[in-house]
Amino acid sequence: MEKINTFVLFPVLPDYVGAFLRTLHQFTPPNFQVIVVDQTKDGIYDVVKPFNPELYVRSYRNLGFSKAANMGAALATTKYVTIANDDVEFINNRWWNGIEETFSSDERIIAVNPNSPKIAMWGYGCDHYTKFEILDQQSCATEAGYDYLLKGDYKNLEGRTIIDKGETKPLPTSFPLTQTGVIDGIATWFTVFKREVYWGLGGFDEKYYPGGGEDQDMNARAYSKGLRMVGTMKSWVWHHWSSSRDHPEKLPPLRQDLVWNNHDELWPPELNFGARMDPWGHRTDENGNKVPLKRVAKVHRIDL
């Protein structure tokens, strides 16, 4: 089968990589290859070797989300390139069809993110550390469970509670009990890009280090050009959410002199009539027209 998609993994912790690769091979047609940029403290070659990655690159330190993603994507040659957090597990073999179906729904879509039953549809008032699941992981892996996720009718969740910082709270009223279609402007925790458009936009900006904000910046650049990055209800994977970080004893060292996150420097309000960057990449002028925001040149660091 022709390889049409390259998964780029760039773990900084070893905990979830084996489950990612095992379930990827279990639930995905053999139309893909894998590139691993290993940023872990002690190395995970023994973990990834049984899964025969196309390429394995070992980094001596944490390169950060953007640089590691771009490094892997630059080595890909397939139609799609998937920039993936490693704390993901696949739950059904229909997930890839849902990605392709979403791409085919609108030619402006250049990136598609599946949904996750854990903190589904990107939160709606729940942050990454909230304990809330539409359906538990074991049930999601059944055909009936996956059908339930695809249907999007979650009225039975009314009255459910969440655990927020150890406190039991009602499910936020902003959480929609009926969900359909796509959501625009996404967090790029597992995103299938059209590879040529990924580089047409310049890839992720490596000035964002070690991570945080680079996805909003990428969204803004896409939407300022009339393109779309969407999350879809037609495809589901299990995302453990923020589970592959926050273990300092297992992390390789960070370059503290590179740490940066400042949208205003790259999208200067003084160039945009006071407007600040948002994921839609535009402002509304005095006549009510949508005007693309102006951005300074994108940055790639050449140091390692």
C-alpha atoms as a PDB file:
ATOM      1  CA  MET A   1       0.000   0.000   0.000  1.00  0.00           C
ATOM      2  CA  GLU A   2       1.257   3.480  -0.891  1.00  0.00           C
ATOM      3  CA  LYS A   3       2.493   5.519   2.052  1.00  0.00           C
ATOM      4  CA  ILE A   4       0.466   8.725   2.174  1.00  0.00           C
ATOM      5  CA  ASN A   5       0.945   9.868   5.778  1.00  0.00           C
ATOM      6  CA  THR A   6       3.980  10.364   8.031  1.00  0.00           C
ATOM      7  CA  PHE A   7       3.559  10.446  11.799  1.00  0.00           C
ATOM      8  CA  VAL A   8       6.105  12.711  13.465  1.00  0.00           C
ATOM      9  CA  LEU A   9       6.663  11.812  17.127  1.00  0.00           C
ATOM     10  CA  PHE A  10       9.037  13.832  19.305  1.00  0.00           C
ATOM     11  CA  PRO A  11       8.652  12.529  22.877  1.00  0.00           C
ATOM     12  CA  VAL A  12      10.345  14.090  25.878  1.00  0.00           C
ATOM     13  CA  LEU A  13       9.078  11.339  28.192  1.00  0.00           C
ATOM     14  CA  PRO A  14       9.059   7.602  27.480  1.00  0.00           C
ATOM     15  CA  ASP A  15       5.787   6.703  29.206  1.00  0.00           C
ATOM     16  CA  TYR A  16       3.249   6.547  26.360  1.00  0.00           C
ATOM     17  CA  VAL A  17       5.279   5.988  23.196  1.00  0.00           C
ATOM     18  CA  GLY A  18       4.909   2.194  23.203  1.00  0.00           C
ATOM     19  CA  ALA A  19       1.115   2.380  23.520  1.00  0.00           C
ATOM     20  CA  PHE A  20       0.955   5.017  20.763  1.00  0.00           C
ATOM     21  CA  LEU A  21       2.906   2.878  18.305  1.00  0.00           C
ATOM     22  CA  ARG A  22       1.213  -0.394  19.251  1.00  0.00           C
ATOM     23  CA  THR A  23      -2.311   0.975  18.791  1.00  0.00           C
ATOM     24  CA  LEU A  24      -1.287   2.959  15.701  1.00  0.00           C
ATOM     25  CA  HIS A  25      -0.294  -0.273  13.951  1.00  0.00           C
ATOM     26  CA  GLN A  26      -3.377  -2.046  15.314  1.00  0.00           C
ATOM     27  CA  PHE A  27      -5.980   0.450  14.111  1.00  0.00           C
ATOM     28  CA  THR A  28      -4.491   2.185  11.047  1.00  0.00           C
ATOM     29  CA  PRO A  29      -4.296   0.912   7.461  1.00  0.00           C
ATOM     30  CA  PRO A  30      -0.646   0.373   6.436  1.00  0.00           C
ATOM     31  CA  ASN A  31      -0.543   3.635   4.489  1.00  0.00           C
ATOM     32  CA  PHE A  32       1.805   5.404   6.887  1.00  0.00           C
ATOM     33  CA  GLN A  33       5.366   5.702   8.082  1.00  0.00           C
ATOM     34  CA  VAL A  34       6.767   6.980  11.371  1.00  0.00           C
ATOM     35  CA  ILE A  35       9.580   9.416  12.107  1.00  0.00           C
ATOM     36  CA  VAL A  36      10.727   9.638  15.726  1.00  0.00           C
ATOM     37  CA  VAL A  37      12.719  12.601  17.035  1.00  0.00           C
ATOM     38  CA  ASP A  38      13.752  11.218  20.415  1.00  0.00           C
ATOM     39  CA  GLN A  39      14.157  14.006  22.971  1.00  0.00           C
ATOM     40  CA  THR A  40      13.926  11.826  26.073  1.00  0.00           C
ATOM     41  CA  LYS A  41      16.534  11.901  28.798  1.00  0.00           C
ATOM     42  CA  ASP A  42      17.781   8.337  28.400  1.00  0.00           C
ATOM     43  CA  GLY A  43      16.624   7.409  24.899  1.00  0.00           C
ATOM     44  CA  ILE A  44      13.825   5.104  23.758  1.00  0.00           C
ATOM     45  CA  TYR A  45      15.320   3.298  20.752  1.00  0.00           C
ATOM     46  CA  ASP A  46      14.555  -0.088  22.332  1.00  0.00           C
ATOM     47  CA  VAL A  47      10.892   0.962  22.641  1.00  0.00           C
ATOM     48  CA  VAL A  48      10.447   2.132  19.048  1.00  0.00           C
ATOM     49  CA  LYS A  49      12.688  -0.398  17.242  1.00  0.00           C
ATOM     50  CA  PRO A  50      10.080  -3.235  17.192  1.00  0.00           C
ATOM     51  CA  PHE A  51       7.726  -0.948  15.248  1.00  0.00           C
ATOM     52  CA  ASN A  52      10.235  -0.291  12.430  1.00  0.00           C
ATOM     53  CA  PRO A  53      10.060   3.506  12.197  1.00  0.00           C
ATOM     54  CA  GLU A  54      11.067   5.009   8.882  1.00  0.00           C
ATOM     55  CA  LEU A  55      13.599   7.205  10.672  1.00  0.00           C
ATOM     56  CA  TYR A  56      14.861   7.560  14.219  1.00  0.00           C
ATOM     57  CA  VAL A  57      16.689  10.746  15.248  1.00  0.00           C
ATOM     58  CA  ARG A  58      18.245  11.154  18.697  1.00  0.00           C
ATOM     59  CA  SER A  59      18.454  14.642  20.190  1.00  0.00           C
ATOM     60  CA  TYR A  60      20.777  15.405  23.076  1.00  0.00           C
ATOM     61  CA  ARG A  61      18.323  17.865  24.614  1.00  0.00           C
ATOM     62  CA  ASN A  62      14.702  19.016  24.485  1.00  0.00           C
ATOM     63  CA  LEU A  63      14.441  20.914  21.207  1.00  0.00           C
ATOM     64  CA  GLY A  64      10.957  22.189  21.957  1.00  0.00           C
ATOM     65  CA  PHE A  65       7.673  21.459  20.191  1.00  0.00           C
ATOM     66  CA  SER A  66       8.200  23.595  17.087  1.00  0.00           C
ATOM     67  CA  LYS A  67      11.789  22.685  16.240  1.00  0.00           C
ATOM     68  CA  ALA A  68      11.241  18.967  16.802  1.00  0.00           C
ATOM     69  CA  ALA A  69       8.003  18.997  14.762  1.00  0.00           C
ATOM     70  CA  ASN A  70       9.667  20.858  11.896  1.00  0.00           C
ATOM     71  CA  MET A  71      12.700  18.567  11.977  1.00  0.00           C
ATOM     72  CA  GLY A  72      10.516  15.495  11.559  1.00  0.00           C
ATOM     73  CA  ALA A  73       8.222  17.112   8.999  1.00  0.00           C
ATOM     74  CA  ALA A  74      11.221  18.179   6.895  1.00  0.00           C
ATOM     75  CA  LEU A  75      12.171  14.509   6.540  1.00  0.00           C
ATOM     76  CA  ALA A  76       8.687  13.453   5.361  1.00  0.00           C
ATOM     77  CA  THR A  77       7.789  13.025   1.696  1.00  0.00           C
ATOM     78  CA  THR A  78       4.157  11.878   1.944  1.00  0.00           C
ATOM     79  CA  LYS A  79       0.935  13.721   1.068  1.00  0.00           C
ATOM     80  CA  TYR A  80       0.122  14.229   4.751  1.00  0.00           C
ATOM     81  CA  VAL A  81       2.283  14.789   7.788  1.00  0.00           C
ATOM     82  CA  THR A  82       0.820  14.221  11.247  1.00  0.00           C
ATOM     83  CA  ILE A  83       2.322  16.210  14.114  1.00  0.00           C
ATOM     84  CA  ALA A  84       1.467  14.126  17.147  1.00  0.00           C
ATOM     85  CA  ASN A  85       1.702  14.329  20.894  1.00  0.00           C
ATOM     86  CA  ASP A  86       2.886  10.946  22.127  1.00  0.00           C
ATOM     87  CA  ASP A  87       0.225  10.521  24.875  1.00  0.00           C
ATOM     88  CA  VAL A  88      -2.367   9.338  22.331  1.00  0.00           C
ATOM     89  CA  GLU A  89      -3.841   5.867  21.877  1.00  0.00           C
ATOM     90  CA  PHE A  90      -5.936   4.726  18.929  1.00  0.00           C
ATOM     91  CA  ILE A  91      -9.253   3.064  19.674  1.00  0.00           C
ATOM     92  CA  ASN A  92     -10.928   2.126  16.366  1.00  0.00           C
ATOM     93  CA  ASN A  93      -9.902   1.422  12.775  1.00  0.00           C
ATOM     94  CA  ARG A  94     -12.404   3.964  11.439  1.00  0.00           C
ATOM     95  CA  TRP A  95     -10.428   6.943  12.744  1.00  0.00           C
ATOM     96  CA  TRP A  96      -8.411   7.485   9.528  1.00  0.00           C
ATOM     97  CA  ASN A  97     -11.482   7.385   7.251  1.00  0.00           C
ATOM     98  CA  GLY A  98     -12.961  10.158   9.386  1.00  0.00           C
ATOM     99  CA  ILE A  99      -9.870  12.302   8.820  1.00  0.00           C
ATOM    100  CA  GLU A 100     -10.014  11.862   5.046  1.00  0.00           C
ATOM    101  CA  GLU A 101     -13.766  12.493   5.002  1.00  0.00           C
ATOM    102  CA  THR A 102     -13.237  15.778   6.852  1.00  0.00           C
ATOM    103  CA  PHE A 103     -10.538  16.894   4.418  1.00  0.00           C
ATOM    104  CA  SER A 104     -12.873  16.178   1.493  1.00  0.00           C
ATOM    105  CA  SER A 105     -15.664  18.322   2.977  1.00  0.00           C
ATOM    106  CA  ASP A 106     -13.945  21.655   2.231  1.00  0.00           C
ATOM    107  CA  GLU A 107     -10.906  22.355   0.062  1.00  0.00           C
ATOM    108  CA  ARG A 108      -9.890  25.171   2.422  1.00  0.00           C
ATOM    109  CA  ILE A 109      -9.197  22.659   5.201  1.00  0.00           C
ATOM    110  CA  ILE A 110      -5.446  22.125   5.446  1.00  0.00           C
ATOM    111  CA  ALA A 111      -5.261  20.421   8.866  1.00  0.00           C
ATOM    112  CA  VAL A 112      -7.562  18.049  10.763  1.00  0.00           C
ATOM    113  CA  ASN A 113      -7.449  17.049  14.427  1.00  0.00           C
ATOM    114  CA  PRO A 114      -9.489  14.083  15.704  1.00  0.00           C
ATOM    115  CA  ASN A 115     -11.626  14.397  18.805  1.00  0.00           C
ATOM    116  CA  SER A 116     -10.893  12.821  22.198  1.00  0.00           C
ATOM    117  CA  PRO A 117     -13.451  11.265  24.583  1.00  0.00           C
ATOM    118  CA  LYS A 118     -11.361  12.604  27.456  1.00  0.00           C
ATOM    119  CA  ILE A 119     -12.171  16.313  27.800  1.00  0.00           C
ATOM    120  CA  ALA A 120     -13.995  16.105  24.484  1.00  0.00           C
ATOM    121  CA  MET A 121     -14.372  18.851  21.888  1.00  0.00           C
ATOM    122  CA  TRP A 122     -11.457  20.785  23.334  1.00  0.00           C
ATOM    123  CA  GLY A 123     -12.826  21.508  26.745  1.00  0.00           C
ATOM    124  CA  TYR A 124     -15.745  23.907  26.690  1.00  0.00           C
ATOM    125  CA  GLY A 125     -14.797  25.123  30.130  1.00  0.00           C
ATOM    126  CA  CYS A 126     -12.679  22.104  31.175  1.00  0.00           C
ATOM    127  CA  ASP A 127      -8.905  22.503  31.271  1.00  0.00           C
ATOM    128  CA  HIS A 128      -6.288  19.826  30.553  1.00  0.00           C
ATOM    129  CA  TYR A 129      -6.173  18.604  34.130  1.00  0.00           C
ATOM    130  CA  THR A 130      -9.917  18.185  34.570  1.00  0.00           C
ATOM    131  CA  LYS A 131     -11.148  14.641  35.168  1.00  0.00           C
ATOM    132  CA  PHE A 132     -14.011  14.167  32.732  1.00  0.00           C
ATOM    133  CA  GLU A 133     -14.708  11.606  30.015  1.00  0.00           C
ATOM    134  CA  ILE A 134     -17.619  11.279  27.603  1.00  0.00           C
ATOM    135  CA  LEU A 135     -16.958   7.543  27.744  1.00  0.00           C
ATOM    136  CA  ASP A 136     -14.224   5.570  29.499  1.00  0.00           C
ATOM    137  CA  GLN A 137     -11.324   4.286  27.425  1.00  0.00           C
ATOM    138  CA  GLN A 138     -12.354   0.632  27.535  1.00  0.00           C
ATOM    139  CA  SER A 139     -15.884   1.382  26.303  1.00  0.00           C
ATOM    140  CA  CYS A 140     -14.540   3.630  23.530  1.00  0.00           C
ATOM    141  CA  ALA A 141     -12.658   0.666  22.101  1.00  0.00           C
ATOM    142  CA  THR A 142     -15.905  -1.248  21.426  1.00  0.00           C
ATOM    143  CA  GLU A 143     -17.821  -0.813  18.185  1.00  0.00           C
ATOM    144  CA  ALA A 144     -20.907   0.330  20.104  1.00  0.00           C
ATOM    145  CA  GLY A 145     -18.841   2.844  22.057  1.00  0.00           C
ATOM    146  CA  TYR A 146     -17.255   4.279  18.924  1.00  0.00           C
ATOM    147  CA  ASP A 147     -20.682   4.508  17.266  1.00  0.00           C
ATOM    148  CA  TYR A 148     -21.867   6.490  20.289  1.00  0.00           C
ATOM    149  CA  LEU A 149     -18.971   8.917  19.921  1.00  0.00           C
ATOM    150  CA  LEU A 150     -19.618   9.396  16.199  1.00  0.00           C
ATOM    151  CA  LYS A 151     -23.325  10.023  16.710  1.00  0.00           C
ATOM    152  CA  GLY A 152     -22.670  13.098  18.825  1.00  0.00           C
ATOM    153  CA  ASP A 153     -25.802  12.799  20.977  1.00  0.00           C
ATOM    154  CA  TYR A 154     -24.605  13.169  24.578  1.00  0.00           C
ATOM    155  CA  LYS A 155     -27.805  14.234  26.301  1.00  0.00           C
ATOM    156  CA  ASN A 156     -27.294  11.427  28.812  1.00  0.00           C
ATOM    157  CA  LEU A 157     -24.335  13.431  30.184  1.00  0.00           C
ATOM    158  CA  GLU A 158     -26.664  16.082  31.554  1.00  0.00           C
ATOM    159  CA  GLY A 159     -26.142  16.315  35.296  1.00  0.00           C
ATOM    160  CA  ARG A 160     -22.699  14.687  35.150  1.00  0.00           C
ATOM    161  CA  THR A 161     -19.910  16.129  37.281  1.00  0.00           C
ATOM    162  CA  ILE A 162     -16.223  16.809  36.693  1.00  0.00           C
ATOM    163  CA  ILE A 163     -13.241  16.825  39.045  1.00  0.00           C
ATOM    164  CA  ASP A 164     -11.431  20.150  38.881  1.00  0.00           C
ATOM    165  CA  LYS A 165      -8.304  20.514  41.049  1.00  0.00           C
ATOM    166  CA  GLY A 166      -9.696  17.893  43.402  1.00  0.00           C
ATOM    167  CA  GLU A 167     -13.089  19.591  43.689  1.00  0.00           C
ATOM    168  CA  THR A 168     -16.308  18.063  42.340  1.00  0.00           C
ATOM    169  CA  LYS A 169     -18.201  20.488  40.095  1.00  0.00           C
ATOM    170  CA  PRO A 170     -21.107  20.318  37.646  1.00  0.00           C
ATOM    171  CA  LEU A 171     -20.292  19.778  33.994  1.00  0.00           C
ATOM    172  CA  PRO A 172     -19.929  23.313  32.539  1.00  0.00           C
ATOM    173  CA  THR A 173     -23.125  24.566  30.931  1.00  0.00           C
ATOM    174  CA  SER A 174     -21.005  25.506  27.906  1.00  0.00           C
ATOM    175  CA  PHE A 175     -20.450  21.820  27.130  1.00  0.00           C
ATOM    176  CA  PRO A 176     -22.770  21.007  24.181  1.00  0.00           C
ATOM    177  CA  LEU A 177     -24.827  17.881  24.687  1.00  0.00           C
ATOM    178  CA  THR A 178     -25.309  17.567  20.924  1.00  0.00           C
ATOM    179  CA  GLN A 179     -22.211  17.918  18.750  1.00  0.00           C
ATOM    180  CA  THR A 180     -21.807  17.785  14.978  1.00  0.00           C
ATOM    181  CA  GLY A 181     -19.437  18.822  12.233  1.00  0.00           C
ATOM    182  CA  VAL A 182     -16.132  20.516  12.933  1.00  0.00           C
ATOM    183  CA  ILE A 183     -14.695  23.143  15.212  1.00  0.00           C
ATOM    184  CA  ASP A 184     -12.345  25.771  13.796  1.00  0.00           C
ATOM    185  CA  GLY A 185      -9.137  26.967  15.421  1.00  0.00           C
ATOM    186  CA  ILE A 186      -7.536  24.005  17.172  1.00  0.00           C
ATOM    187  CA  ALA A 187      -4.919  23.009  19.696  1.00  0.00           C
ATOM    188  CA  THR A 188      -2.459  20.952  17.670  1.00  0.00           C
ATOM    189  CA  TRP A 189      -2.056  17.936  19.950  1.00  0.00           C
ATOM    190  CA  PHE A 190      -2.563  15.481  17.061  1.00  0.00           C
ATOM    191  CA  THR A 191      -2.934  17.206  13.732  1.00  0.00           C
ATOM    192  CA  VAL A 192      -2.902  15.777  10.216  1.00  0.00           C
ATOM    193  CA  PHE A 193      -1.581  18.462   7.851  1.00  0.00           C
ATOM    194  CA  LYS A 194      -1.460  18.582   4.094  1.00  0.00           C
ATOM    195  CA  ARG A 195       2.328  18.509   4.004  1.00  0.00           C
ATOM    196  CA  GLU A 196       2.872  20.989   1.185  1.00  0.00           C
ATOM    197  CA  VAL A 197       0.593  23.527   2.852  1.00  0.00           C
ATOM    198  CA  TYR A 198       2.335  22.961   6.205  1.00  0.00           C
ATOM    199  CA  TRP A 199       5.525  24.217   4.589  1.00  0.00           C
ATOM    200  CA  GLY A 200       3.640  26.781   2.528  1.00  0.00           C
ATOM    201  CA  LEU A 201       2.726  28.351   5.874  1.00  0.00           C
ATOM    202  CA  GLY A 202       6.328  27.944   7.009  1.00  0.00           C
ATOM    203  CA  GLY A 203       5.798  25.200   9.580  1.00  0.00           C
ATOM    204  CA  PHE A 204       5.674  25.973  13.284  1.00  0.00           C
ATOM    205  CA  ASP A 205       7.572  29.031  14.463  1.00  0.00           C
ATOM    206  CA  GLU A 206      10.597  27.848  16.409  1.00  0.00           C
ATOM    207  CA  LYS A 207      10.744  31.022  18.466  1.00  0.00           C
ATOM    208  CA  TYR A 208       8.030  29.469  20.660  1.00  0.00           C
ATOM    209  CA  TYR A 209      10.102  27.431  23.103  1.00  0.00           C
ATOM    210  CA  PRO A 210       9.716  24.972  24.668  1.00  0.00           C
ATOM    211  CA  GLY A 211       6.037  25.091  23.756  1.00  0.00           C
ATOM    212  CA  GLY A 212       2.783  26.996  24.125  1.00  0.00           C
ATOM    213  CA  GLY A 213       1.397  29.499  21.646  1.00  0.00           C
ATOM    214  CA  GLU A 214       2.847  28.000  18.481  1.00  0.00           C
ATOM    215  CA  ASP A 215      -0.501  26.405  17.635  1.00  0.00           C
ATOM    216  CA  GLN A 216      -2.398  29.701  17.952  1.00  0.00           C
ATOM    217  CA  ASP A 217       0.230  31.321  15.746  1.00  0.00           C
ATOM    218  CA  MET A 218      -0.116  28.591  13.104  1.00  0.00           C
ATOM    219  CA  ASN A 219      -3.909  28.912  13.194  1.00  0.00           C
ATOM    220  CA  ALA A 220      -3.675  32.685  12.768  1.00  0.00           C
ATOM    221  CA  ARG A 221      -1.363  32.358   9.765  1.00  0.00           C
ATOM    222  CA  ALA A 222      -3.701  29.800   8.157  1.00  0.00           C
ATOM    223  CA  TYR A 223      -6.904  31.774   8.719  1.00  0.00           C
ATOM    224  CA  SER A 224      -5.305  35.039   7.585  1.00  0.00           C
ATOM    225  CA  LYS A 225      -4.857  33.302   4.207  1.00  0.00           C
ATOM    226  CA  GLY A 226      -8.428  31.999   4.073  1.00  0.00           C
ATOM    227  CA  LEU A 227      -7.482  28.442   5.099  1.00  0.00           C
ATOM    228  CA  ARG A 228      -8.921  26.309   7.908  1.00  0.00           C
ATOM    229  CA  MET A 229      -7.519  24.104  10.673  1.00  0.00           C
ATOM    230  CA  VAL A 230     -10.331  22.057  12.185  1.00  0.00           C
ATOM    231  CA  GLY A 231     -11.200  19.456  14.781  1.00  0.00           C
ATOM    232  CA  THR A 232     -13.646  16.830  13.579  1.00  0.00           C
ATOM    233  CA  MET A 233     -16.432  14.747  15.079  1.00  0.00           C
ATOM    234  CA  LYS A 234     -15.836  12.075  12.418  1.00  0.00           C
ATOM    235  CA  SER A 235     -12.618  10.753  13.968  1.00  0.00           C
ATOM    236  CA  TRP A 236     -11.748   9.845  17.557  1.00  0.00           C
ATOM    237  CA  VAL A 237      -8.577   8.861  19.391  1.00  0.00           C
ATOM    238  CA  TRP A 238      -7.846   8.729  23.102  1.00  0.00           C
ATOM    239  CA  HIS A 239      -5.733  11.638  24.322  1.00  0.00           C
ATOM    240  CA  HIS A 240      -4.386  11.386  27.858  1.00  0.00           C
ATOM    241  CA  TRP A 241      -3.974  15.202  27.932  1.00  0.00           C
ATOM    242  CA  SER A 242      -0.797  16.692  29.411  1.00  0.00           C
ATOM    243  CA  SER A 243       0.394  13.298  30.624  1.00  0.00           C
ATOM    244  CA  SER A 244       3.663  13.335  28.700  1.00  0.00           C
ATOM    245  CA  ARG A 245       5.149  16.254  30.604  1.00  0.00           C
ATOM    246  CA  ASP A 246       5.589  17.566  34.165  1.00  0.00           C
ATOM    247  CA  HIS A 247       8.016  14.840  35.280  1.00  0.00           C
ATOM    248  CA  PRO A 248      11.221  16.868  35.701  1.00  0.00           C
ATOM    249  CA  GLU A 249      13.270  13.893  36.859  1.00  0.00           C
ATOM    250  CA  LYS A 250      12.678  12.249  33.454  1.00  0.00           C
ATOM    251  CA  LEU A 251      13.099  15.306  31.239  1.00  0.00           C
ATOM    252  CA  PRO A 252      16.209  16.257  29.284  1.00  0.00           C
ATOM    253  CA  PRO A 253      17.549  19.732  30.137  1.00  0.00           C
ATOM    254  CA  LEU A 254      15.898  22.833  28.714  1.00  0.00           C
ATOM    255  CA  ARG A 255      17.797  25.773  27.263  1.00  0.00           C
ATOM    256  CA  GLN A 256      16.448  28.442  29.576  1.00  0.00           C
ATOM    257  CA  ASP A 257      17.997  31.174  27.443  1.00  0.00           C
ATOM    258  CA  LEU A 258      15.628  30.203  24.608  1.00  0.00           C
ATOM    259  CA  VAL A 259      12.349  30.201  26.581  1.00  0.00           C
ATOM    260  CA  TRP A 260       9.893  32.543  24.843  1.00  0.00           C
ATOM    261  CA  ASN A 261       6.185  33.081  24.306  1.00  0.00           C
ATOM    262  CA  ASN A 262       5.052  36.519  23.163  1.00  0.00           C
ATOM    263  CA  HIS A 263       2.414  36.870  20.448  1.00  0.00           C
ATOM    264  CA  ASP A 264       2.603  40.651  20.476  1.00  0.00           C
ATOM    265  CA  GLU A 265       6.189  40.600  19.258  1.00  0.00           C
ATOM    266  CA  LEU A 266       5.277  38.540  16.194  1.00  0.00           C
ATOM    267  CA  TRP A 267       1.850  40.125  15.605  1.00  0.00           C
ATOM    268  CA  PRO A 268       2.573  43.727  16.697  1.00  0.00           C
ATOM    269  CA  PRO A 269      -0.589  45.638  17.706  1.00  0.00           C
ATOM    270  CA  GLU A 270       1.046  48.810  16.379  1.00  0.00           C
ATOM    271  CA  LEU A 271       0.971  47.285  12.881  1.00  0.00           C
ATOM    272  CA  ASN A 272      -2.627  46.131  13.278  1.00  0.00           C
ATOM    273  CA  PHE A 273      -4.480  49.238  14.480  1.00  0.00           C
ATOM    274  CA  GLY A 274      -4.258  47.986  18.059  1.00  0.00           C
ATOM    275  CA  ALA A 275      -5.629  44.510  17.303  1.00  0.00           C
ATOM    276  CA  ARG A 276      -3.843  41.544  18.859  1.00  0.00           C
ATOM    277  CA  MET A 277      -3.314  38.125  17.350  1.00  0.00           C
ATOM    278  CA  ASP A 278      -6.110  35.599  17.695  1.00  0.00           C
ATOM    279  CA  PRO A 279      -6.547  32.177  16.052  1.00  0.00           C
ATOM    280  CA  TRP A 280      -8.616  33.738  13.239  1.00  0.00           C
ATOM    281  CA  GLY A 281      -5.739  35.941  12.040  1.00  0.00           C
ATOM    282  CA  HIS A 282      -7.843  38.976  11.175  1.00  0.00           C
ATOM    283  CA  ARG A 283      -9.298  42.178  12.562  1.00  0.00           C
ATOM    284  CA  THR A 284     -12.512  44.027  11.692  1.00  0.00           C
ATOM    285  CA  ASP A 285     -11.960  47.466  10.168  1.00  0.00           C
ATOM    286  CA  GLU A 286     -14.157  50.528  10.603  1.00  0.00           C
ATOM    287  CA  ASN A 287     -16.365  49.394   7.705  1.00  0.00           C
ATOM    288  CA  GLY A 288     -16.950  45.962   9.165  1.00  0.00           C
ATOM    289  CA  ASN A 289     -14.602  44.196   6.754  1.00  0.00           C
ATOM    290  CA  LYS A 290     -12.339  41.339   7.791  1.00  0.00           C
ATOM    291  CA  VAL A 291      -8.708  42.381   7.307  1.00  0.00           C
ATOM    292  CA  PRO A 292      -5.801  39.910   7.691  1.00  0.00           C
ATOM    293  CA  LEU A 293      -3.469  40.725  10.553  1.00  0.00           C
ATOM    294  CA  LYS A 294       0.140  41.604   9.759  1.00  0.00           C
ATOM    295  CA  ARG A 295       2.928  39.470  11.153  1.00  0.00           C
ATOM    296  CA  VAL A 296       6.688  39.875  11.302  1.00  0.00           C
ATOM    297  CA  ALA A 297       8.968  37.307   9.667  1.00  0.00           C
ATOM    298  CA  LYS A 298       8.816  33.780  11.056  1.00  0.00           C
ATOM    299  CA  VAL A 299      11.828  32.543  12.996  1.00  0.00           C
ATOM    300  CA  HIS A 300      13.785  29.281  12.668  1.00  0.00           C
ATOM    301  CA  ARG A 301      16.566  28.781  15.167  1.00  0.00           C
ATOM    302  CA  ILE A 302      19.714  27.253  13.722  1.00  0.00           C
ATOM    303  CA  ASP A 303      21.245  26.319  17.068  1.00  0.00           C
ATOM    304  CA  LEU A 304      20.709  22.898  18.606  1.00  0.00           C
END
